[in-house]
Protein backbone atom coordinates (compact mmCIF):
# COMPACT_ATOMS: atom_id res chain seq x y z
CA MET A 1 78.76 66.20 67.96
CA ARG A 2 79.88 65.71 71.55
CA PHE A 3 82.91 67.67 72.63
CA ALA A 4 84.81 64.46 73.34
CA ASP A 5 85.07 64.18 69.54
CA ALA A 6 86.06 67.83 69.05
CA ILE A 7 89.45 69.48 69.21
CA VAL A 8 91.42 70.47 72.24
CA PRO A 9 94.25 72.88 71.39
CA THR A 10 97.53 71.02 71.17
CA GLU A 11 99.14 73.48 73.58
CA TRP A 12 97.27 71.73 76.40
CA ALA A 13 98.30 68.17 75.58
CA MET A 14 100.56 67.79 78.61
CA ASP A 15 97.97 69.02 81.13
CA GLU A 16 95.48 66.98 83.10
CA LEU A 17 92.17 67.25 81.26
CA ILE A 18 88.79 66.25 82.64
CA HIS A 19 85.28 66.86 81.31
CA ALA A 20 82.19 68.43 82.84
CA GLU A 21 78.89 66.94 81.72
CA PHE A 22 76.10 69.35 80.82
CA HIS A 23 72.40 68.92 79.99
CA GLY A 24 70.47 71.88 78.66
CA GLY A 25 67.25 70.81 77.02
CA ARG A 26 66.93 70.58 73.25
CA THR A 27 69.20 71.21 70.29
CA GLU A 28 68.49 74.54 68.61
CA ASP A 29 69.82 76.43 65.64
CA ALA A 30 69.44 79.94 64.25
CA PRO A 31 71.19 82.38 61.93
CA MET A 32 74.12 84.28 63.38
CA THR A 33 73.31 87.43 65.33
CA TRP A 34 74.24 90.78 63.86
CA ALA A 35 77.25 91.08 66.17
CA GLN A 36 78.34 87.53 65.36
CA GLN A 37 78.37 88.40 61.67
CA VAL A 38 80.83 91.21 62.36
CA MET A 39 83.04 89.09 64.63
CA TRP A 40 83.07 86.21 62.16
CA ARG A 41 84.15 88.51 59.34
CA ALA A 42 86.83 90.13 61.50
CA ALA A 43 88.24 86.74 62.46
CA THR A 44 88.46 85.65 58.82
CA LEU A 45 90.15 88.88 57.71
CA SER A 46 92.78 89.00 60.46
CA ARG A 47 94.89 86.22 61.95
CA THR A 48 95.46 88.18 65.15
CA GLN A 49 91.95 89.37 66.03
CA HIS A 50 91.62 86.74 68.76
CA LEU A 51 94.24 88.59 70.81
CA PHE A 52 91.65 91.33 71.21
CA LEU A 53 88.42 89.34 70.91
CA ASN A 54 89.15 86.61 73.48
CA LEU A 55 87.76 87.76 76.84
CA ARG A 56 89.83 86.54 79.79
CA ARG A 57 88.51 86.29 83.35
CA VAL A 58 89.64 84.78 86.67
CA LEU A 59 87.23 83.89 89.47
CA ALA A 60 88.42 82.99 92.96
CA VAL A 61 86.35 80.19 94.47
CA PRO A 62 84.16 81.73 97.21
CA ARG A 63 85.35 80.80 100.70
CA ARG A 64 81.99 79.29 101.70
CA ALA A 65 81.71 77.18 98.53
CA PRO A 66 82.70 73.50 98.25
CA ALA A 67 86.15 73.62 96.67
CA ASP A 68 86.89 69.98 95.89
CA LEU A 69 87.49 69.26 92.21
CA SER A 70 84.33 67.21 91.64
CA SER A 71 82.07 69.94 93.10
CA VAL A 72 83.68 72.66 91.01
CA VAL A 73 83.50 70.61 87.81
CA ARG A 74 79.85 69.83 88.54
CA ALA A 75 79.19 73.57 88.93
CA ILE A 76 80.78 74.21 85.54
CA GLY A 77 78.50 71.63 83.97
CA THR A 78 75.46 73.24 85.62
CA LEU A 79 76.51 76.66 84.34
CA VAL A 80 76.89 75.46 80.74
CA GLY A 81 73.60 73.59 80.93
CA ARG A 82 71.89 76.79 82.13
CA HIS A 83 73.21 79.05 79.37
CA GLY A 84 72.79 77.90 75.78
CA GLY A 85 75.14 80.63 74.61
CA LEU A 86 78.02 78.76 76.27
CA ARG A 87 77.31 75.57 74.32
CA THR A 88 76.78 77.15 70.92
CA ARG A 89 79.03 76.64 67.90
CA VAL A 90 79.04 78.26 64.49
CA CYS A 91 78.61 75.81 61.63
CA ARG A 92 78.16 75.83 57.87
CA ALA A 93 74.68 75.00 56.62
CA ALA A 94 74.03 73.02 53.44
CA ASP A 95 73.46 76.25 51.47
CA GLY A 96 76.88 77.59 52.47
CA THR A 97 75.63 80.14 55.00
CA SER A 98 76.90 80.22 58.59
CA ARG A 99 74.52 79.37 61.41
CA GLN A 100 74.82 78.85 65.14
CA GLU A 101 73.83 75.59 66.78
CA THR A 102 73.20 75.02 70.49
CA ALA A 103 73.82 71.51 71.82
CA ALA A 104 71.32 69.91 74.18
CA ALA A 105 73.91 67.84 76.06
CA GLY A 106 77.58 67.03 75.97
CA GLN A 107 80.86 67.64 77.70
CA VAL A 108 83.05 70.68 78.16
CA PRO A 109 86.79 70.18 78.84
CA VAL A 110 88.35 71.54 82.01
CA LEU A 111 92.11 71.93 82.42
CA VAL A 112 93.43 71.12 85.89
CA VAL A 113 96.69 72.81 86.90
CA ALA A 114 98.56 72.81 90.20
CA GLY A 115 99.45 76.09 91.85
CA THR A 116 100.88 77.52 95.04
CA GLY A 117 99.64 80.02 97.62
CA ASP A 118 96.28 81.37 96.55
CA GLY A 119 96.76 80.10 92.98
CA ALA A 120 96.65 83.60 91.50
CA ALA A 121 100.02 83.35 89.74
CA ALA A 122 99.11 80.07 88.05
CA ALA A 123 95.72 81.53 87.07
CA ALA A 124 97.37 84.55 85.46
CA GLU A 125 99.59 82.27 83.38
CA LEU A 126 96.57 80.18 82.38
CA THR A 127 94.67 83.23 81.15
CA ARG A 128 97.59 84.02 78.87
CA ARG A 129 97.89 80.46 77.56
CA LEU A 130 94.19 79.95 76.97
CA GLY A 131 93.56 83.48 75.72
CA ASP A 132 96.38 83.67 73.20
CA VAL A 133 95.05 80.73 71.16
CA ALA A 134 92.39 81.44 68.51
CA PHE A 135 89.08 79.60 68.85
CA ASP A 136 88.00 77.06 66.26
CA HIS A 137 84.39 78.18 66.36
CA GLY A 138 83.05 75.22 64.43
CA ARG A 139 84.57 72.62 66.75
CA GLU A 140 85.09 74.30 70.12
CA TRP A 141 82.62 75.61 72.65
CA PRO A 142 82.85 79.41 72.94
CA VAL A 143 84.30 79.26 76.47
CA ARG A 144 87.38 77.51 77.85
CA PHE A 145 87.62 76.48 81.50
CA ALA A 146 90.60 75.77 83.72
CA VAL A 147 90.99 75.35 87.47
CA VAL A 148 93.98 75.89 89.73
CA GLN A 149 94.36 73.43 92.59
CA VAL A 150 96.49 74.09 95.66
CA ASP A 151 97.00 71.07 97.93
CA GLY A 152 93.96 69.37 96.42
CA VAL A 153 91.66 72.39 96.85
CA VAL A 154 90.43 74.47 93.89
CA ARG A 155 91.38 78.08 94.52
CA GLN A 156 90.90 79.78 91.14
CA LEU A 157 88.81 79.29 88.02
CA VAL A 158 89.98 80.63 84.67
CA LEU A 159 87.48 81.33 81.89
CA VAL A 160 88.32 82.52 78.39
CA PHE A 161 85.34 83.45 76.25
CA SER A 162 85.11 83.88 72.52
CA HIS A 163 83.71 87.34 71.76
CA SER A 164 81.79 85.72 68.92
CA THR A 165 79.07 84.53 71.31
CA VAL A 166 79.28 86.77 74.38
CA ASP A 167 80.16 90.36 75.17
CA ALA A 168 81.61 91.86 78.35
CA TYR A 169 78.14 92.33 79.88
CA ALA A 170 77.19 88.70 79.23
CA VAL A 171 80.48 87.62 80.79
CA GLU A 172 79.57 89.43 84.01
CA VAL A 173 76.19 87.64 84.09
CA VAL A 174 77.97 84.31 83.61
CA LEU A 175 80.45 85.02 86.40
CA ARG A 176 77.64 86.08 88.73
CA ASP A 177 75.76 82.88 88.02
CA LEU A 178 78.87 80.75 88.46
CA ARG A 179 79.54 82.24 91.90
CA LEU A 180 75.97 81.48 92.97
CA ILE A 181 76.09 77.95 91.56
CA LEU A 182 79.33 77.29 93.44
CA LEU A 183 77.67 78.46 96.64
CA ARG A 184 74.17 76.99 96.19
CA GLY A 185 74.57 74.15 93.71
CA ASP A 186 71.90 75.56 91.37
CA LEU A 187 69.79 78.63 90.64
CA GLY A 188 66.04 78.79 90.95
CA THR A 189 65.52 81.64 88.49
CA PRO A 190 65.21 81.23 84.72
CA ALA A 191 68.13 82.23 82.52
CA GLY A 192 67.94 85.27 80.25
CA LEU A 193 67.71 85.20 76.49
CA GLN A 194 70.44 83.23 74.76
CA SER A 195 72.28 83.80 71.50
CA VAL A 196 69.82 81.86 69.35
CA ASP A 197 66.89 83.79 70.89
CA VAL A 198 68.52 87.11 70.04
CA ALA A 199 69.23 85.94 66.49
CA ARG A 200 65.58 85.06 65.87
CA ARG A 201 64.49 88.52 66.99
CA GLN A 202 67.10 90.24 64.85
CA HIS A 203 66.24 88.30 61.72
CA GLY A 204 62.53 88.83 62.38
CA PRO A 205 60.78 91.80 64.00
CA ASP A 206 63.96 93.84 64.54
CA GLN A 207 64.63 94.18 60.81
CA ARG A 208 62.51 97.35 60.64
CA ARG A 209 64.64 99.02 63.28
CA SER A 210 67.74 97.98 61.38
CA GLY A 211 66.44 99.69 58.25
CA ARG A 212 65.99 102.97 60.13
CA THR A 213 69.53 102.74 61.49
CA VAL A 214 71.03 102.11 58.06
CA ALA A 215 69.27 105.24 56.78
CA TYR A 216 70.64 107.23 59.75
CA TRP A 217 74.22 106.09 59.03
CA LEU A 218 73.92 107.20 55.42
CA ARG A 219 72.64 110.64 56.44
CA GLN A 220 75.49 111.08 58.90
CA TYR A 221 78.15 109.85 56.50
CA ARG A 222 77.06 112.34 53.86
CA ARG A 223 77.67 115.15 56.35
CA LEU A 224 81.37 114.34 56.41
CA ALA A 225 83.80 116.03 54.09
CA ASP A 226 85.47 113.84 51.50
CA VAL A 227 88.77 113.49 53.31
CA SER A 228 91.71 111.21 52.82
CA LEU A 229 94.77 110.49 54.89
CA ASP A 230 98.28 111.37 53.86
CA GLU A 231 99.81 109.08 51.28
CA PRO A 232 100.64 105.91 53.22
CA VAL A 233 104.11 104.58 53.78
CA PRO A 234 104.91 100.85 53.81
CA PRO A 235 103.30 99.41 56.94
CA ALA A 236 105.10 97.68 59.75
CA THR A 237 104.41 94.05 60.64
CA PRO A 238 101.83 93.62 62.02
CA ARG A 239 100.16 96.61 60.41
CA LEU A 240 98.59 97.96 63.58
CA HIS A 241 100.73 98.62 66.63
CA ARG A 242 99.33 99.01 70.15
CA GLY A 243 100.45 100.36 73.48
CA THR A 244 98.79 100.59 76.90
CA LEU A 245 99.06 103.23 79.61
CA VAL A 246 97.83 102.22 83.07
CA SER A 247 97.10 105.45 84.90
CA SER A 248 95.54 106.16 88.28
CA ALA A 249 95.96 109.89 87.56
CA ALA A 250 93.79 109.65 84.44
CA ALA A 251 91.13 107.73 86.38
CA THR A 252 91.00 110.35 89.15
CA ALA A 253 91.03 113.28 86.74
CA ALA A 254 88.26 111.81 84.59
CA ARG A 255 86.07 111.30 87.67
CA MET A 256 86.69 114.87 88.82
CA VAL A 257 85.70 116.29 85.42
CA ALA A 258 82.63 114.03 85.24
CA ALA A 259 81.41 115.07 88.71
CA ARG A 260 81.96 118.76 88.03
CA HIS A 261 80.10 118.76 84.70
CA ARG A 262 77.45 116.13 85.52
CA VAL A 263 78.38 113.83 82.68
CA SER A 264 79.60 110.23 82.63
CA VAL A 265 83.24 109.24 82.87
CA SER A 266 82.86 107.68 79.42
CA THR A 267 81.77 111.05 78.01
CA VAL A 268 84.87 112.69 79.50
CA LEU A 269 87.16 110.04 78.01
CA LEU A 270 85.50 110.27 74.60
CA ALA A 271 85.79 114.07 74.69
CA ALA A 272 89.50 113.86 75.52
CA THR A 273 90.08 111.31 72.77
CA THR A 274 88.19 113.54 70.35
CA ALA A 275 90.16 116.60 71.39
CA LEU A 276 93.51 114.95 70.66
CA SER A 277 92.39 113.12 67.52
CA ALA A 278 90.21 115.78 65.88
CA GLY A 279 92.18 118.76 67.11
CA ALA A 280 95.26 117.47 65.30
CA THR A 281 93.49 117.45 61.93
CA GLY A 282 91.87 120.88 62.06
CA ARG A 283 88.66 119.44 60.58
CA GLN A 284 85.40 121.25 61.20
CA VAL A 285 83.31 118.08 61.10
CA CYS A 286 84.63 114.69 62.16
CA GLY A 287 83.28 111.18 62.39
CA LEU A 288 83.32 109.22 65.65
CA PHE A 289 82.68 105.52 66.13
CA ASN A 290 81.77 104.17 69.54
CA MET A 291 80.71 100.80 70.87
CA SER A 292 77.18 100.34 72.22
CA HIS A 293 76.27 97.45 74.52
CA ASN A 294 72.65 97.51 73.19
CA ARG A 295 71.23 96.40 76.53
CA PHE A 296 68.84 99.30 76.94
CA ARG A 297 65.87 96.99 76.33
CA PRO A 298 64.80 95.13 79.50
CA GLU A 299 64.73 91.72 77.81
CA TYR A 300 68.41 92.08 76.89
CA VAL A 301 69.78 92.98 80.33
CA ASN A 302 70.75 89.38 81.20
CA ALA A 303 71.09 88.01 77.67
CA ILE A 304 73.96 85.60 77.09
CA ALA A 305 74.88 86.80 73.64
CA ASN A 306 77.09 89.32 71.93
CA LEU A 307 74.94 92.43 71.55
CA GLY A 308 77.74 94.97 71.21
CA GLN A 309 77.75 96.88 67.94
CA ILE A 310 79.45 99.97 66.64
CA GLY A 311 77.66 103.30 66.69
CA PHE A 312 78.42 106.20 64.36
CA CYS A 313 78.04 109.90 65.04
CA VAL A 314 79.24 113.15 63.54
CA LEU A 315 80.64 116.05 65.56
CA ASP A 316 80.62 119.66 64.35
CA ILE A 317 83.49 121.67 65.89
CA ALA A 318 83.66 124.49 63.36
CA ASP A 319 83.28 127.06 66.18
CA ARG A 320 86.32 125.61 67.99
CA PRO A 321 84.76 125.16 71.43
CA GLY A 322 86.73 124.90 74.67
CA PHE A 323 86.97 121.51 76.32
CA PHE A 324 84.20 122.26 78.83
CA GLU A 325 81.83 123.21 75.98
CA LEU A 326 82.91 120.11 74.08
CA LEU A 327 81.65 117.83 76.88
CA PRO A 328 77.85 118.32 76.44
CA ARG A 329 78.29 118.32 72.68
CA ILE A 330 80.08 114.97 72.83
CA TYR A 331 77.39 113.62 75.13
CA ARG A 332 74.63 114.45 72.66
CA VAL A 333 76.31 113.02 69.57
CA ALA A 334 77.56 109.93 71.44
CA LEU A 335 74.05 109.21 72.68
CA ASP A 336 72.85 109.46 69.10
CA GLY A 337 75.51 106.93 68.13
CA TYR A 338 74.52 104.54 70.91
CA LEU A 339 70.86 104.72 69.88
CA HIS A 340 71.77 103.87 66.28
CA ALA A 341 74.05 100.91 66.91
CA TYR A 342 71.56 98.06 66.49
CA TYR A 343 71.44 96.93 62.88
CA ASP A 344 71.93 94.12 60.41
CA ALA A 345 75.64 94.37 59.59
CA VAL A 346 75.24 92.64 56.21
CA ALA A 347 72.46 95.05 55.21
CA MET A 348 74.60 98.02 56.28
CA ARG A 349 77.57 96.90 54.19
CA THR A 350 75.40 96.05 51.18
CA THR A 351 73.63 99.41 51.25
CA PHE A 352 76.87 101.38 51.32
CA GLU A 353 78.41 99.28 48.55
CA GLU A 354 75.34 99.57 46.31
CA LEU A 355 75.70 103.36 46.54
CA GLY A 356 79.30 103.14 45.36
CA TYR A 357 81.14 103.45 48.69
CA ASP A 358 84.11 101.23 49.46
CA TYR A 359 82.92 99.94 52.82
CA THR A 360 86.33 98.56 53.78
CA THR A 361 87.97 102.01 53.62
CA ALA A 362 85.07 104.47 53.99
CA PHE A 363 85.64 105.02 57.71
CA LEU A 364 89.43 104.78 57.76
CA PRO A 365 90.09 108.57 58.10
CA HIS A 366 87.99 108.69 61.27
CA TYR A 367 88.54 107.06 64.64
CA TYR A 368 87.10 104.55 67.07
CA PHE A 369 86.52 104.67 70.83
CA ASN A 370 85.60 101.62 72.88
CA ASP A 371 84.97 101.88 76.62
CA VAL A 372 84.79 98.31 77.90
CA ARG A 373 84.96 99.08 81.61
CA LEU A 374 82.58 97.11 83.77
CA PRO A 375 79.18 98.71 84.48
CA GLY A 376 78.67 100.61 87.72
CA GLY A 377 81.50 103.12 87.75
CA ASP A 378 80.54 105.44 84.90
CA LEU A 379 78.16 107.87 86.63
CA VAL A 380 79.83 109.97 89.31
CA ASP A 381 77.82 112.11 91.76
CA ASP A 382 80.94 113.54 93.33
CA ALA A 383 84.64 112.86 93.35
CA PRO A 384 87.30 113.63 95.93
CA LEU A 385 89.13 116.86 95.21
CA VAL A 386 92.80 116.10 94.73
CA ALA A 387 95.39 118.86 94.70
CA GLU A 388 96.77 119.53 91.24
CA GLN A 389 100.37 118.99 92.32
CA GLN A 390 99.43 115.64 93.86
CA LEU A 391 97.60 114.50 90.73
CA ARG A 392 100.47 115.51 88.46
CA ALA A 393 102.86 113.62 90.73
CA ALA A 394 100.63 110.53 90.43
CA ALA A 395 101.10 110.65 86.66
CA ASP A 396 104.79 109.91 87.21
CA ASP A 397 103.74 106.42 88.33
CA SER A 398 101.74 105.67 85.17
CA ARG A 399 103.01 102.55 83.38
CA PHE A 400 103.35 102.26 79.61
CA SER A 401 103.85 98.94 77.84
CA ARG A 402 103.67 97.64 74.30
CA THR A 403 100.86 95.23 73.39
CA ASP A 404 100.61 92.61 70.65
CA GLY A 405 99.60 94.22 67.37
CA LEU A 406 96.77 93.47 64.93
CA ASP A 407 96.62 92.72 61.22
CA ALA A 408 93.66 94.87 60.22
CA ALA A 409 91.12 97.44 61.39
CA SER A 410 88.61 99.82 59.82
CA TRP A 411 90.12 102.99 61.38
CA HIS A 412 93.61 104.46 61.49
CA ARG A 413 93.45 105.12 65.24
CA LEU A 414 91.56 103.32 68.00
CA LEU A 415 91.36 103.84 71.76
CA HIS A 416 90.15 101.12 74.15
CA VAL A 417 89.49 101.75 77.84
CA VAL A 418 89.45 99.00 80.47
CA ASP A 419 89.34 98.81 84.26
CA GLU A 420 92.56 98.41 86.19
CA PRO A 421 92.89 98.35 90.00
CA ASP A 422 92.31 102.00 91.03
CA ALA A 423 93.30 103.04 87.51
CA LEU A 424 92.35 103.15 83.86
CA GLY A 425 93.95 101.01 81.19
CA LEU A 426 94.17 103.07 77.98
CA THR A 427 95.16 101.09 74.89
CA TYR A 428 95.92 103.08 71.75
CA THR A 429 96.18 101.37 68.36
CA VAL A 430 97.56 103.02 65.23
CA ASP A 431 97.72 102.00 61.61
CA THR A 432 101.44 102.24 60.84
CA ARG A 433 100.76 103.32 57.27
CA PHE A 434 99.62 106.68 58.64
CA LEU A 435 100.92 107.01 62.20
CA ALA A 436 104.36 105.97 63.36
CA PRO A 437 104.57 103.42 66.20
CA GLU A 438 106.61 105.88 68.26
CA THR A 439 103.58 108.22 68.46
CA ILE A 440 101.68 105.78 70.68
CA GLU A 441 103.19 106.56 74.07
CA PRO A 442 103.27 110.36 73.58
CA TYR A 443 99.60 110.29 72.54
CA LEU A 444 98.62 108.42 75.69
CA ARG A 445 100.73 110.72 77.86
CA ASP A 446 99.03 113.71 76.20
CA LEU A 447 95.62 112.16 76.86
CA GLU A 448 96.50 111.77 80.54
CA ALA A 449 97.84 115.33 80.67
CA LEU A 450 94.70 116.74 79.03
CA LEU A 451 92.47 115.00 81.59
CA ILE A 452 94.56 116.37 84.46
CA GLU A 453 94.47 119.89 82.98
CA ALA A 454 90.68 119.72 82.52
CA ALA A 455 90.23 118.65 86.13
CA TYR A 456 91.22 122.18 87.18
CA ARG A 457 90.55 124.54 84.27
CA ASP A 458 89.08 124.77 80.80
CA VAL A 459 91.36 123.87 77.90
CA PRO A 460 90.82 126.01 74.76
CA TRP A 461 90.96 124.72 71.19
CA PRO A 462 93.08 123.06 69.85
CA TRP A 463 93.01 121.40 73.26
CA GLN A 464 96.75 121.22 73.84
CA PRO A 465 97.40 119.62 77.25
CA GLY A 466 99.76 122.26 78.61
CA PRO A 467 103.51 122.53 77.97
CA GLY A 468 104.76 119.80 75.67
CA GLY A 469 101.25 119.09 74.39
CA GLY A 470 100.80 117.58 70.98
CA ARG A 471 103.69 115.14 71.33
CA GLY A 472 101.51 112.28 70.17
CA ARG A 473 100.51 113.79 66.88
CA VAL A 474 103.52 112.83 64.80
CA VAL A 475 102.51 111.60 61.36
CA ARG A 476 104.92 109.45 59.46
């Protein structure tokens, strides 16, 4: 089916719409990848998952690149022809199973919008419009394109990706290739593995590795105490509420701690999240869930696919370590989680359910950490020493805002970390059956305060971040 016969969201009906032609070889199909299986299930269970799963990006047209509309549209067609993952849809096979199908040729729609100045304001509005609409994965391509013209010259490109087919690392590969295509007209190097290639590996030789990972998860899960959350209260609507703190102070403090203790920034952030989340419960053993990009294997470095899967690890804190001692412990268990985050999601669910576990609620009492910052800034050799008074003053400029909520999740608390200009974006999500919405901002402020405290001194168990600590741990 050519895209000319497929849907275009009705929200765009009043815009100028043109099409970029692409040619990419032959039509291919394969089962869904393991990560696609998870995303597909999440999308069917929650009407609001796309607000989190749609990946929004803006690319300014390079100054040396041809910026007329026809050249830019031609570059988009070349990009989609190069990467099969960008022209792949999920469809239902005759036996009722879901498969992915890559088109050999067709058209991809491109919205054309007028802007002013450098086009950045119009691009920001486009990312919201395109990103807030759920994908119809059976009829749309997994990426939406728009361009902003100023006085007949294309200044900005807007891309919104469905997380069903790409992850944040694949998006960066796509953006890199698009910049080069805009500048050169084409690329002389072969593309990396695409989504269908990854699927064939996962449903073939990688099944043995999946089996080992499933066994690891079962061993770890059995280490956890049989805990339950307090009796839930009626949830708010939507059930999960979210808030975001944008903090330059947290970014600086995390880098200072990482440099001092020779660990990654991600390890520092996970340790701080663990300190606030686990310290509030008083548990001696707690379960952590982290997201692994699964690009450790050389053949997956430039893959255009969604390889991200959830890792699972168990942390023993019965001896109540100080924060500095917690750091290497977190590093070791997190690494174990990352190394056991490549598995057949259907096999994992089936195995747990066959043993009598309710897979939909088994992990609810534990928590989830997802660091989706771009690669390159995680390892810190040294960091500038900032005076404590200066860093605490910087925290006064941190900005908190509410974010659209979600319908469902597998944990009662989740923390996501993203890049912001010279800052960190910390988004905290709580299940309102167990945690009141008004605990969100205090928790994030406590997280920032704990990082600042740890930048200058150890913080003993229960890891209270100085005066006023613990404000975020209000259970409804």
